[in-house]
Amino acid sequence: EGLEAIFARHSRHRAASHAAMKAIGLPLFAAEGFGSPAITAVAPNGID
């Protein structure tokens, strides 16, 4: 796959996950601009 492609894939999945959660109306837990490419933490206010 290659290093650059691996890093790009993880960055793309982070961006997609972030965009999806924002569109649903679920706030992200990590500070804006500091989300890990490995995992997206979501803080769904008012939801268990």
All heavy atoms as atom14 arrays in JSON, in Angstrom:
{
  "sequence": "EGLEAIFARHSRHRAASHAAMKAIGLPLFAAEGFGSPAITAVAPNGID",
  "atom14_mask": [
    [1, 1, 1, 1, 1, 1, 1, 1, 1, 0, 0, 0, 0, 0],
    [1, 1, 1, 1, 0, 0, 0, 0, 0, 0, 0, 0, 0, 0],
    [1, 1, 1, 1, 1, 1, 1, 1, 0, 0, 0, 0, 0, 0],
    [1, 1, 1, 1, 1, 1, 1, 1, 1, 0, 0, 0, 0, 0],
    [1, 1, 1, 1, 1, 0, 0, 0, 0, 0, 0, 0, 0, 0],
    [1, 1, 1, 1, 1, 1, 1, 1, 0, 0, 0, 0, 0, 0],
    [1, 1, 1, 1, 1, 1, 1, 1, 1, 1, 1, 0, 0, 0],
    [1, 1, 1, 1, 1, 0, 0, 0, 0, 0, 0, 0, 0, 0],
    [1, 1, 1, 1, 1, 1, 1, 1, 1, 1, 1, 0, 0, 0],
    [1, 1, 1, 1, 1, 1, 1, 1, 1, 1, 0, 0, 0, 0],
    [1, 1, 1, 1, 1, 1, 0, 0, 0, 0, 0, 0, 0, 0],
    [1, 1, 1, 1, 1, 1, 1, 1, 1, 1, 1, 0, 0, 0],
    [1, 1, 1, 1, 1, 1, 1, 1, 1, 1, 0, 0, 0, 0],
    [1, 1, 1, 1, 1, 1, 1, 1, 1, 1, 1, 0, 0, 0],
    [1, 1, 1, 1, 1, 0, 0, 0, 0, 0, 0, 0, 0, 0],
    [1, 1, 1, 1, 1, 0, 0, 0, 0, 0, 0, 0, 0, 0],
    [1, 1, 1, 1, 1, 1, 0, 0, 0, 0, 0, 0, 0, 0],
    [1, 1, 1, 1, 1, 1, 1, 1, 1, 1, 0, 0, 0, 0],
    [1, 1, 1, 1, 1, 0, 0, 0, 0, 0, 0, 0, 0, 0],
    [1, 1, 1, 1, 1, 0, 0, 0, 0, 0, 0, 0, 0, 0],
    [1, 1, 1, 1, 1, 1, 1, 1, 0, 0, 0, 0, 0, 0],
    [1, 1, 1, 1, 1, 1, 1, 1, 1, 0, 0, 0, 0, 0],
    [1, 1, 1, 1, 1, 0, 0, 0, 0, 0, 0, 0, 0, 0],
    [1, 1, 1, 1, 1, 1, 1, 1, 0, 0, 0, 0, 0, 0],
    [1, 1, 1, 1, 0, 0, 0, 0, 0, 0, 0, 0, 0, 0],
    [1, 1, 1, 1, 1, 1, 1, 1, 0, 0, 0, 0, 0, 0],
    [1, 1, 1, 1, 1, 1, 1, 0, 0, 0, 0, 0, 0, 0],
    [1, 1, 1, 1, 1, 1, 1, 1, 0, 0, 0, 0, 0, 0],
    [1, 1, 1, 1, 1, 1, 1, 1, 1, 1, 1, 0, 0, 0],
    [1, 1, 1, 1, 1, 0, 0, 0, 0, 0, 0, 0, 0, 0],
    [1, 1, 1, 1, 1, 0, 0, 0, 0, 0, 0, 0, 0, 0],
    [1, 1, 1, 1, 1, 1, 1, 1, 1, 0, 0, 0, 0, 0],
    [1, 1, 1, 1, 0, 0, 0, 0, 0, 0, 0, 0, 0, 0],
    [1, 1, 1, 1, 1, 1, 1, 1, 1, 1, 1, 0, 0, 0],
    [1, 1, 1, 1, 0, 0, 0, 0, 0, 0, 0, 0, 0, 0],
    [1, 1, 1, 1, 1, 1, 0, 0, 0, 0, 0, 0, 0, 0],
    [1, 1, 1, 1, 1, 1, 1, 0, 0, 0, 0, 0, 0, 0],
    [1, 1, 1, 1, 1, 0, 0, 0, 0, 0, 0, 0, 0, 0],
    [1, 1, 1, 1, 1, 1, 1, 1, 0, 0, 0, 0, 0, 0],
    [1, 1, 1, 1, 1, 1, 1, 0, 0, 0, 0, 0, 0, 0],
    [1, 1, 1, 1, 1, 0, 0, 0, 0, 0, 0, 0, 0, 0],
    [1, 1, 1, 1, 1, 1, 1, 0, 0, 0, 0, 0, 0, 0],
    [1, 1, 1, 1, 1, 0, 0, 0, 0, 0, 0, 0, 0, 0],
    [1, 1, 1, 1, 1, 1, 1, 0, 0, 0, 0, 0, 0, 0],
    [1, 1, 1, 1, 1, 1, 1, 1, 0, 0, 0, 0, 0, 0],
    [1, 1, 1, 1, 0, 0, 0, 0, 0, 0, 0, 0, 0, 0],
    [1, 1, 1, 1, 1, 1, 1, 1, 0, 0, 0, 0, 0, 0],
    [1, 1, 1, 1, 1, 1, 1, 1, 0, 0, 0, 0, 0, 0]
  ],
  "atom14_positions": [
    [[0.83, -1.21, 0.0], [0.0, 0.0, 0.0], [0.86, 1.26, 0.0], [0.56, 2.23, -0.69], [-0.93, 0.0, 1.22], [-1.9, 1.18, 1.23], [-2.91, 1.11, 2.36], [-2.83, 0.18, 3.2], [-3.79, 1.99, 2.42], [0.0, 0.0, 0.0], [0.0, 0.0, 0.0], [0.0, 0.0, 0.0], [0.0, 0.0, 0.0], [0.0, 0.0, 0.0]],
    [[1.94, 1.25, 0.77], [2.84, 2.4, 0.84], [2.49, 3.32, 1.99], [1.32, 3.5, 2.33], [0.0, 0.0, 0.0], [0.0, 0.0, 0.0], [0.0, 0.0, 0.0], [0.0, 0.0, 0.0], [0.0, 0.0, 0.0], [0.0, 0.0, 0.0], [0.0, 0.0, 0.0], [0.0, 0.0, 0.0], [0.0, 0.0, 0.0], [0.0, 0.0, 0.0]],
    [[3.51, 3.9, 2.61], [3.3, 4.73, 3.8], [2.36, 5.9, 3.54], [1.42, 6.15, 4.31], [4.63, 5.24, 4.34], [5.52, 4.24, 5.08], [6.82, 4.92, 5.51], [4.8, 3.66, 6.29], [0.0, 0.0, 0.0], [0.0, 0.0, 0.0], [0.0, 0.0, 0.0], [0.0, 0.0, 0.0], [0.0, 0.0, 0.0], [0.0, 0.0, 0.0]],
    [[2.6, 6.65, 2.46], [1.78, 7.83, 2.2], [0.32, 7.45, 1.98], [-0.59, 8.15, 2.44], [2.33, 8.6, 0.99], [3.69, 9.24, 1.24], [3.69, 10.15, 2.46], [2.72, 10.91, 2.65], [4.67, 10.09, 3.24], [0.0, 0.0, 0.0], [0.0, 0.0, 0.0], [0.0, 0.0, 0.0], [0.0, 0.0, 0.0], [0.0, 0.0, 0.0]],
    [[0.08, 6.34, 1.3], [-1.29, 5.9, 1.05], [-1.95, 5.45, 2.36], [-3.15, 5.7, 2.58], [-1.3, 4.75, 0.04], [0.0, 0.0, 0.0], [0.0, 0.0, 0.0], [0.0, 0.0, 0.0], [0.0, 0.0, 0.0], [0.0, 0.0, 0.0], [0.0, 0.0, 0.0], [0.0, 0.0, 0.0], [0.0, 0.0, 0.0], [0.0, 0.0, 0.0]],
    [[-1.19, 4.8, 3.23], [-1.73, 4.39, 4.53], [-2.15, 5.62, 5.34], [-3.25, 5.66, 5.91], [-0.69, 3.55, 5.3], [-0.47, 2.19, 4.64], [-1.12, 3.37, 6.76], [0.7, 1.41, 5.21], [0.0, 0.0, 0.0], [0.0, 0.0, 0.0], [0.0, 0.0, 0.0], [0.0, 0.0, 0.0], [0.0, 0.0, 0.0], [0.0, 0.0, 0.0]],
    [[-1.27, 6.61, 5.4], [-1.59, 7.81, 6.18], [-2.78, 8.55, 5.57], [-3.64, 9.05, 6.3], [-0.37, 8.73, 6.24], [0.88, 8.09, 6.78], [2.14, 8.52, 6.39], [0.81, 7.04, 7.69], [3.29, 7.93, 6.88], [1.95, 6.44, 8.19], [3.21, 6.88, 7.78], [0.0, 0.0, 0.0], [0.0, 0.0, 0.0], [0.0, 0.0, 0.0]],
    [[-2.84, 8.62, 4.24], [-3.95, 9.3, 3.57], [-5.27, 8.59, 3.84], [-6.31, 9.24, 4.03], [-3.68, 9.38, 2.07], [0.0, 0.0, 0.0], [0.0, 0.0, 0.0], [0.0, 0.0, 0.0], [0.0, 0.0, 0.0], [0.0, 0.0, 0.0], [0.0, 0.0, 0.0], [0.0, 0.0, 0.0], [0.0, 0.0, 0.0], [0.0, 0.0, 0.0]],
    [[-5.24, 7.26, 3.84], [-6.47, 6.49, 4.11], [-6.99, 6.78, 5.51], [-8.21, 7.01, 5.7], [-6.18, 4.99, 3.93], [-7.31, 4.08, 4.38], [-7.11, 2.65, 3.9], [-5.83, 2.08, 4.28], [-5.6, 1.48, 5.46], [-6.56, 1.39, 6.37], [-4.41, 0.95, 5.72], [0.0, 0.0, 0.0], [0.0, 0.0, 0.0], [0.0, 0.0, 0.0]],
    [[-6.11, 6.78, 6.49], [-6.55, 7.05, 7.85], [-7.05, 8.5, 8.0], [-8.04, 8.75, 8.72], [-5.42, 6.75, 8.83], [-5.22, 5.29, 9.1], [-4.47, 4.48, 8.28], [-5.7, 4.49, 10.08], [-4.48, 3.25, 8.75], [-5.22, 3.22, 9.84], [0.0, 0.0, 0.0], [0.0, 0.0, 0.0], [0.0, 0.0, 0.0], [0.0, 0.0, 0.0]],
    [[-6.4, 9.42, 7.35], [-6.86, 10.82, 7.41], [-8.24, 10.95, 6.76], [-9.1, 11.7, 7.26], [-5.86, 11.74, 6.69], [-4.64, 11.78, 7.39], [0.0, 0.0, 0.0], [0.0, 0.0, 0.0], [0.0, 0.0, 0.0], [0.0, 0.0, 0.0], [0.0, 0.0, 0.0], [0.0, 0.0, 0.0], [0.0, 0.0, 0.0], [0.0, 0.0, 0.0]],
    [[-8.44, 10.24, 5.65], [-9.73, 10.28, 4.96], [-10.84, 9.71, 5.83], [-11.94, 10.27, 5.9], [-9.61, 9.51, 3.64], [-10.79, 9.69, 2.71], [-10.54, 9.06, 1.35], [-10.51, 7.61, 1.39], [-9.43, 6.87, 1.22], [-8.25, 7.45, 1.03], [-9.5, 5.55, 1.26], [0.0, 0.0, 0.0], [0.0, 0.0, 0.0], [0.0, 0.0, 0.0]],
    [[-10.56, 8.63, 6.52], [-11.57, 8.02, 7.38], [-11.88, 8.9, 8.59], [-13.01, 8.95, 9.06], [-11.13, 6.62, 7.81], [-11.12, 5.64, 6.67], [-10.48, 4.42, 6.74], [-11.68, 5.71, 5.43], [-10.65, 3.78, 5.59], [-11.37, 4.54, 4.79], [0.0, 0.0, 0.0], [0.0, 0.0, 0.0], [0.0, 0.0, 0.0], [0.0, 0.0, 0.0]],
    [[-10.87, 9.58, 9.1], [-11.11, 10.54, 10.17], [-12.04, 11.65, 9.67], [-13.02, 12.0, 10.33], [-9.8, 11.15, 10.66], [-9.99, 12.34, 11.6], [-8.65, 12.9, 12.08], [-7.78, 13.28, 10.96], [-6.48, 13.57, 11.09], [-5.9, 13.53, 12.28], [-5.77, 13.89, 10.04], [0.0, 0.0, 0.0], [0.0, 0.0, 0.0], [0.0, 0.0, 0.0]],
    [[-11.72, 12.2, 8.5], [-12.53, 13.3, 7.96], [-13.96, 12.86, 7.7], [-14.91, 13.6, 7.99], [-11.89, 13.81, 6.66], [0.0, 0.0, 0.0], [0.0, 0.0, 0.0], [0.0, 0.0, 0.0], [0.0, 0.0, 0.0], [0.0, 0.0, 0.0], [0.0, 0.0, 0.0], [0.0, 0.0, 0.0], [0.0, 0.0, 0.0], [0.0, 0.0, 0.0]],
    [[-14.13, 11.65, 7.19], [-15.47, 11.15, 6.9], [-16.27, 10.93, 8.19], [-17.46, 11.28, 8.28], [-15.39, 9.85, 6.11], [0.0, 0.0, 0.0], [0.0, 0.0, 0.0], [0.0, 0.0, 0.0], [0.0, 0.0, 0.0], [0.0, 0.0, 0.0], [0.0, 0.0, 0.0], [0.0, 0.0, 0.0], [0.0, 0.0, 0.0], [0.0, 0.0, 0.0]],
    [[-15.61, 10.38, 9.2], [-16.29, 10.14, 10.47], [-16.67, 11.45, 11.14], [-17.78, 11.6, 11.67], [-15.39, 9.32, 11.4], [-15.09, 8.06, 10.83], [0.0, 0.0, 0.0], [0.0, 0.0, 0.0], [0.0, 0.0, 0.0], [0.0, 0.0, 0.0], [0.0, 0.0, 0.0], [0.0, 0.0, 0.0], [0.0, 0.0, 0.0], [0.0, 0.0, 0.0]],
    [[-15.77, 12.42, 11.11], [-16.06, 13.72, 11.69], [-17.23, 14.4, 10.98], [-18.15, 14.92, 11.63], [-14.82, 14.63, 11.6], [-13.75, 14.28, 12.58], [-12.72, 15.14, 12.89], [-13.53, 13.17, 13.33], [-11.92, 14.58, 13.78], [-12.39, 13.38, 14.05], [0.0, 0.0, 0.0], [0.0, 0.0, 0.0], [0.0, 0.0, 0.0], [0.0, 0.0, 0.0]],
    [[-17.2, 14.38, 9.65], [-18.27, 15.02, 8.88], [-19.61, 14.35, 9.15], [-20.64, 15.03, 9.28], [-17.93, 14.96, 7.39], [0.0, 0.0, 0.0], [0.0, 0.0, 0.0], [0.0, 0.0, 0.0], [0.0, 0.0, 0.0], [0.0, 0.0, 0.0], [0.0, 0.0, 0.0], [0.0, 0.0, 0.0], [0.0, 0.0, 0.0], [0.0, 0.0, 0.0]],
    [[-19.59, 13.03, 9.26], [-20.84, 12.29, 9.49], [-21.43, 12.63, 10.84], [-22.64, 12.9, 10.97], [-20.58, 10.79, 9.38], [0.0, 0.0, 0.0], [0.0, 0.0, 0.0], [0.0, 0.0, 0.0], [0.0, 0.0, 0.0], [0.0, 0.0, 0.0], [0.0, 0.0, 0.0], [0.0, 0.0, 0.0], [0.0, 0.0, 0.0], [0.0, 0.0, 0.0]],
    [[-20.63, 12.64, 11.87], [-21.15, 12.9, 13.21], [-21.68, 14.34, 13.32], [-22.72, 14.59, 13.94], [-20.06, 12.65, 14.26], [-19.63, 11.19, 14.38], [-20.98, 10.02, 14.74], [-21.22, 9.27, 13.12], [0.0, 0.0, 0.0], [0.0, 0.0, 0.0], [0.0, 0.0, 0.0], [0.0, 0.0, 0.0], [0.0, 0.0, 0.0], [0.0, 0.0, 0.0]],
    [[-20.99, 15.28, 12.7], [-21.45, 16.67, 12.72], [-22.78, 16.8, 11.98], [-23.69, 17.53, 12.42], [-20.4, 17.58, 12.11], [-19.14, 17.75, 12.96], [-18.1, 18.63, 12.26], [-16.86, 18.81, 13.1], [-15.82, 19.63, 12.4], [0.0, 0.0, 0.0], [0.0, 0.0, 0.0], [0.0, 0.0, 0.0], [0.0, 0.0, 0.0], [0.0, 0.0, 0.0]],
    [[-22.93, 16.09, 10.86], [-24.17, 16.16, 10.09], [-25.34, 15.56, 10.85], [-26.48, 16.03, 10.72], [-23.98, 15.44, 8.75], [0.0, 0.0, 0.0], [0.0, 0.0, 0.0], [0.0, 0.0, 0.0], [0.0, 0.0, 0.0], [0.0, 0.0, 0.0], [0.0, 0.0, 0.0], [0.0, 0.0, 0.0], [0.0, 0.0, 0.0], [0.0, 0.0, 0.0]],
    [[-25.06, 14.55, 11.65], [-26.11, 13.93, 12.46], [-26.48, 14.82, 13.64], [-27.58, 14.73, 14.19], [-25.64, 12.54, 12.96], [-25.43, 11.59, 11.8], [-26.64, 11.93, 13.93], [-24.75, 10.28, 12.18], [0.0, 0.0, 0.0], [0.0, 0.0, 0.0], [0.0, 0.0, 0.0], [0.0, 0.0, 0.0], [0.0, 0.0, 0.0], [0.0, 0.0, 0.0]],
    [[-25.56, 15.71, 14.02], [-25.8, 16.58, 15.16], [-25.16, 16.09, 16.43], [-25.55, 16.5, 17.53], [0.0, 0.0, 0.0], [0.0, 0.0, 0.0], [0.0, 0.0, 0.0], [0.0, 0.0, 0.0], [0.0, 0.0, 0.0], [0.0, 0.0, 0.0], [0.0, 0.0, 0.0], [0.0, 0.0, 0.0], [0.0, 0.0, 0.0], [0.0, 0.0, 0.0]],
    [[-24.17, 15.22, 16.29], [-23.47, 14.68, 17.46], [-22.11, 15.38, 17.59], [-21.28, 15.28, 16.7], [-23.26, 13.17, 17.33], [-24.52, 12.32, 17.19], [-24.15, 10.85, 17.1], [-25.49, 12.56, 18.34], [0.0, 0.0, 0.0], [0.0, 0.0, 0.0], [0.0, 0.0, 0.0], [0.0, 0.0, 0.0], [0.0, 0.0, 0.0], [0.0, 0.0, 0.0]],
    [[-21.85, 16.06, 18.72], [-20.59, 16.79, 18.89], [-19.4, 15.84, 19.01], [-19.51, 14.75, 19.59], [-20.79, 17.58, 20.2], [-22.26, 17.54, 20.47], [-22.77, 16.28, 19.85], [0.0, 0.0, 0.0], [0.0, 0.0, 0.0], [0.0, 0.0, 0.0], [0.0, 0.0, 0.0], [0.0, 0.0, 0.0], [0.0, 0.0, 0.0], [0.0, 0.0, 0.0]],
    [[-18.27, 16.26, 18.46], [-17.03, 15.52, 18.65], [-16.45, 15.86, 20.02], [-16.61, 16.98, 20.51], [-16.03, 15.88, 17.55], [-16.49, 15.62, 16.12], [-15.42, 16.06, 15.13], [-16.85, 14.15, 15.91], [0.0, 0.0, 0.0], [0.0, 0.0, 0.0], [0.0, 0.0, 0.0], [0.0, 0.0, 0.0], [0.0, 0.0, 0.0], [0.0, 0.0, 0.0]],
    [[-15.76, 14.9, 20.62], [-15.18, 15.13, 21.94], [-13.81, 15.79, 21.86], [-13.47, 16.65, 22.67], [-15.07, 13.82, 22.72], [-14.61, 14.0, 24.14], [-15.44, 14.58, 25.09], [-13.33, 13.62, 24.53], [-15.01, 14.77, 26.39], [-12.9, 13.8, 25.83], [-13.75, 14.38, 26.77], [0.0, 0.0, 0.0], [0.0, 0.0, 0.0], [0.0, 0.0, 0.0]],
    [[-13.0, 15.4, 20.87], [-11.65, 15.96, 20.74], [-11.74, 17.4, 20.25], [-12.62, 17.77, 19.47], [-10.81, 15.13, 19.78], [0.0, 0.0, 0.0], [0.0, 0.0, 0.0], [0.0, 0.0, 0.0], [0.0, 0.0, 0.0], [0.0, 0.0, 0.0], [0.0, 0.0, 0.0], [0.0, 0.0, 0.0], [0.0, 0.0, 0.0], [0.0, 0.0, 0.0]],
    [[-10.81, 18.22, 20.71], [-10.75, 19.61, 20.27], [-10.61, 19.68, 18.75], [-9.94, 18.84, 18.14], [-9.58, 20.32, 20.94], [0.0, 0.0, 0.0], [0.0, 0.0, 0.0], [0.0, 0.0, 0.0], [0.0, 0.0, 0.0], [0.0, 0.0, 0.0], [0.0, 0.0, 0.0], [0.0, 0.0, 0.0], [0.0, 0.0, 0.0], [0.0, 0.0, 0.0]],
    [[-11.26, 20.66, 18.15], [-11.23, 20.83, 16.7], [-9.79, 20.92, 16.19], [-8.96, 21.66, 16.71], [-11.98, 22.11, 16.31], [-12.16, 22.31, 14.82], [-13.13, 21.32, 14.2], [-14.08, 20.9, 14.9], [-12.94, 20.98, 13.01], [0.0, 0.0, 0.0], [0.0, 0.0, 0.0], [0.0, 0.0, 0.0], [0.0, 0.0, 0.0], [0.0, 0.0, 0.0]],
    [[-9.5, 20.11, 15.18], [-8.17, 20.12, 14.59], [-7.19, 19.17, 15.24], [-6.06, 19.03, 14.77], [0.0, 0.0, 0.0], [0.0, 0.0, 0.0], [0.0, 0.0, 0.0], [0.0, 0.0, 0.0], [0.0, 0.0, 0.0], [0.0, 0.0, 0.0], [0.0, 0.0, 0.0], [0.0, 0.0, 0.0], [0.0, 0.0, 0.0], [0.0, 0.0, 0.0]],
    [[-7.62, 18.49, 16.31], [-6.71, 17.58, 17.01], [-7.28, 16.16, 17.1], [-6.94, 15.41, 18.01], [-6.39, 18.12, 18.41], [-5.56, 19.37, 18.39], [-6.16, 20.61, 18.43], [-4.18, 19.29, 18.27], [-5.4, 21.77, 18.4], [-3.41, 20.45, 18.23], [-4.02, 21.7, 18.3], [0.0, 0.0, 0.0], [0.0, 0.0, 0.0], [0.0, 0.0, 0.0]],
    [[-8.15, 15.8, 16.16], [-8.7, 14.45, 16.15], [-7.68, 13.45, 15.67], [-6.94, 13.69, 14.71], [0.0, 0.0, 0.0], [0.0, 0.0, 0.0], [0.0, 0.0, 0.0], [0.0, 0.0, 0.0], [0.0, 0.0, 0.0], [0.0, 0.0, 0.0], [0.0, 0.0, 0.0], [0.0, 0.0, 0.0], [0.0, 0.0, 0.0], [0.0, 0.0, 0.0]],
    [[-7.63, 12.31, 16.33], [-6.69, 11.26, 15.94], [-7.15, 10.59, 14.65], [-8.35, 10.36, 14.46], [-6.6, 10.21, 17.06], [-5.9, 9.06, 16.6], [0.0, 0.0, 0.0], [0.0, 0.0, 0.0], [0.0, 0.0, 0.0], [0.0, 0.0, 0.0], [0.0, 0.0, 0.0], [0.0, 0.0, 0.0], [0.0, 0.0, 0.0], [0.0, 0.0, 0.0]],
    [[-6.22, 10.24, 13.76], [-6.6, 9.49, 12.56], [-6.97, 8.04, 12.86], [-7.44, 7.33, 11.98], [-5.35, 9.56, 11.68], [-4.22, 9.74, 12.65], [-4.78, 10.57, 13.77], [0.0, 0.0, 0.0], [0.0, 0.0, 0.0], [0.0, 0.0, 0.0], [0.0, 0.0, 0.0], [0.0, 0.0, 0.0], [0.0, 0.0, 0.0], [0.0, 0.0, 0.0]],
    [[-6.78, 7.63, 14.11], [-7.06, 6.24, 14.48], [-8.47, 6.06, 15.03], [-9.05, 4.97, 14.91], [-6.05, 5.76, 15.52], [0.0, 0.0, 0.0], [0.0, 0.0, 0.0], [0.0, 0.0, 0.0], [0.0, 0.0, 0.0], [0.0, 0.0, 0.0], [0.0, 0.0, 0.0], [0.0, 0.0, 0.0], [0.0, 0.0, 0.0], [0.0, 0.0, 0.0]],
    [[-9.04, 7.11, 15.64], [-10.3, 6.94, 16.34], [-11.01, 8.28, 16.49], [-10.37, 9.31, 16.69], [-10.07, 6.3, 17.72], [-11.39, 5.99, 18.41], [-9.16, 7.14, 18.6], [-11.26, 5.02, 19.56], [0.0, 0.0, 0.0], [0.0, 0.0, 0.0], [0.0, 0.0, 0.0], [0.0, 0.0, 0.0], [0.0, 0.0, 0.0], [0.0, 0.0, 0.0]],
    [[-12.32, 8.25, 16.37], [-13.15, 9.44, 16.54], [-13.98, 9.28, 17.81], [-14.75, 8.32, 17.93], [-14.07, 9.65, 15.33], [-13.27, 9.95, 14.19], [-15.05, 10.79, 15.57], [0.0, 0.0, 0.0], [0.0, 0.0, 0.0], [0.0, 0.0, 0.0], [0.0, 0.0, 0.0], [0.0, 0.0, 0.0], [0.0, 0.0, 0.0], [0.0, 0.0, 0.0]],
    [[-13.8, 10.2, 18.75], [-14.58, 10.19, 19.99], [-15.76, 11.15, 19.83], [-15.59, 12.29, 19.4], [-13.71, 10.6, 21.17], [0.0, 0.0, 0.0], [0.0, 0.0, 0.0], [0.0, 0.0, 0.0], [0.0, 0.0, 0.0], [0.0, 0.0, 0.0], [0.0, 0.0, 0.0], [0.0, 0.0, 0.0], [0.0, 0.0, 0.0], [0.0, 0.0, 0.0]],
    [[-16.95, 10.67, 20.2], [-18.19, 11.43, 20.02], [-18.86, 11.59, 21.37], [-18.97, 10.64, 22.15], [-19.13, 10.71, 19.04], [-20.36, 11.55, 18.74], [-18.4, 10.33, 17.76], [0.0, 0.0, 0.0], [0.0, 0.0, 0.0], [0.0, 0.0, 0.0], [0.0, 0.0, 0.0], [0.0, 0.0, 0.0], [0.0, 0.0, 0.0], [0.0, 0.0, 0.0]],
    [[-19.33, 12.82, 21.66], [-20.0, 13.12, 22.93], [-21.45, 13.47, 22.64], [-21.8, 14.64, 22.46], [-19.3, 14.27, 23.65], [0.0, 0.0, 0.0], [0.0, 0.0, 0.0], [0.0, 0.0, 0.0], [0.0, 0.0, 0.0], [0.0, 0.0, 0.0], [0.0, 0.0, 0.0], [0.0, 0.0, 0.0], [0.0, 0.0, 0.0], [0.0, 0.0, 0.0]],
    [[-22.34, 12.48, 22.58], [-23.73, 12.72, 22.18], [-24.55, 13.32, 23.32], [-25.14, 12.6, 24.14], [-24.22, 11.33, 21.8], [-23.44, 10.41, 22.68], [-22.09, 11.06, 22.87], [0.0, 0.0, 0.0], [0.0, 0.0, 0.0], [0.0, 0.0, 0.0], [0.0, 0.0, 0.0], [0.0, 0.0, 0.0], [0.0, 0.0, 0.0], [0.0, 0.0, 0.0]],
    [[-24.6, 14.62, 23.4], [-25.31, 15.3, 24.48], [-26.75, 14.81, 24.61], [-27.49, 14.74, 23.63], [-25.32, 16.82, 24.23], [-23.94, 17.42, 24.32], [-23.05, 16.88, 24.98], [-23.72, 18.55, 23.64], [0.0, 0.0, 0.0], [0.0, 0.0, 0.0], [0.0, 0.0, 0.0], [0.0, 0.0, 0.0], [0.0, 0.0, 0.0], [0.0, 0.0, 0.0]],
    [[-27.1, 14.44, 25.84], [-28.46, 14.01, 26.1], [-28.77, 12.59, 25.66], [-29.92, 12.16, 25.71], [0.0, 0.0, 0.0], [0.0, 0.0, 0.0], [0.0, 0.0, 0.0], [0.0, 0.0, 0.0], [0.0, 0.0, 0.0], [0.0, 0.0, 0.0], [0.0, 0.0, 0.0], [0.0, 0.0, 0.0], [0.0, 0.0, 0.0], [0.0, 0.0, 0.0]],
    [[-27.77, 11.87, 25.21], [-27.96, 10.49, 24.75], [-27.05, 9.58, 25.56], [-25.88, 9.9, 25.78], [-27.63, 10.36, 23.25], [-28.59, 11.22, 22.41], [-27.68, 8.91, 22.8], [-28.24, 11.26, 20.93], [0.0, 0.0, 0.0], [0.0, 0.0, 0.0], [0.0, 0.0, 0.0], [0.0, 0.0, 0.0], [0.0, 0.0, 0.0], [0.0, 0.0, 0.0]],
    [[-27.58, 8.46, 26.01], [-26.78, 7.47, 26.74], [-25.89, 6.75, 25.73], [-26.38, 5.93, 24.93], [-27.7, 6.49, 27.46], [-26.94, 5.49, 28.31], [-25.72, 5.33, 28.11], [-27.57, 4.85, 29.18], [0.0, 0.0, 0.0], [0.0, 0.0, 0.0], [0.0, 0.0, 0.0], [0.0, 0.0, 0.0], [0.0, 0.0, 0.0], [0.0, 0.0, 0.0]]
  ]
}
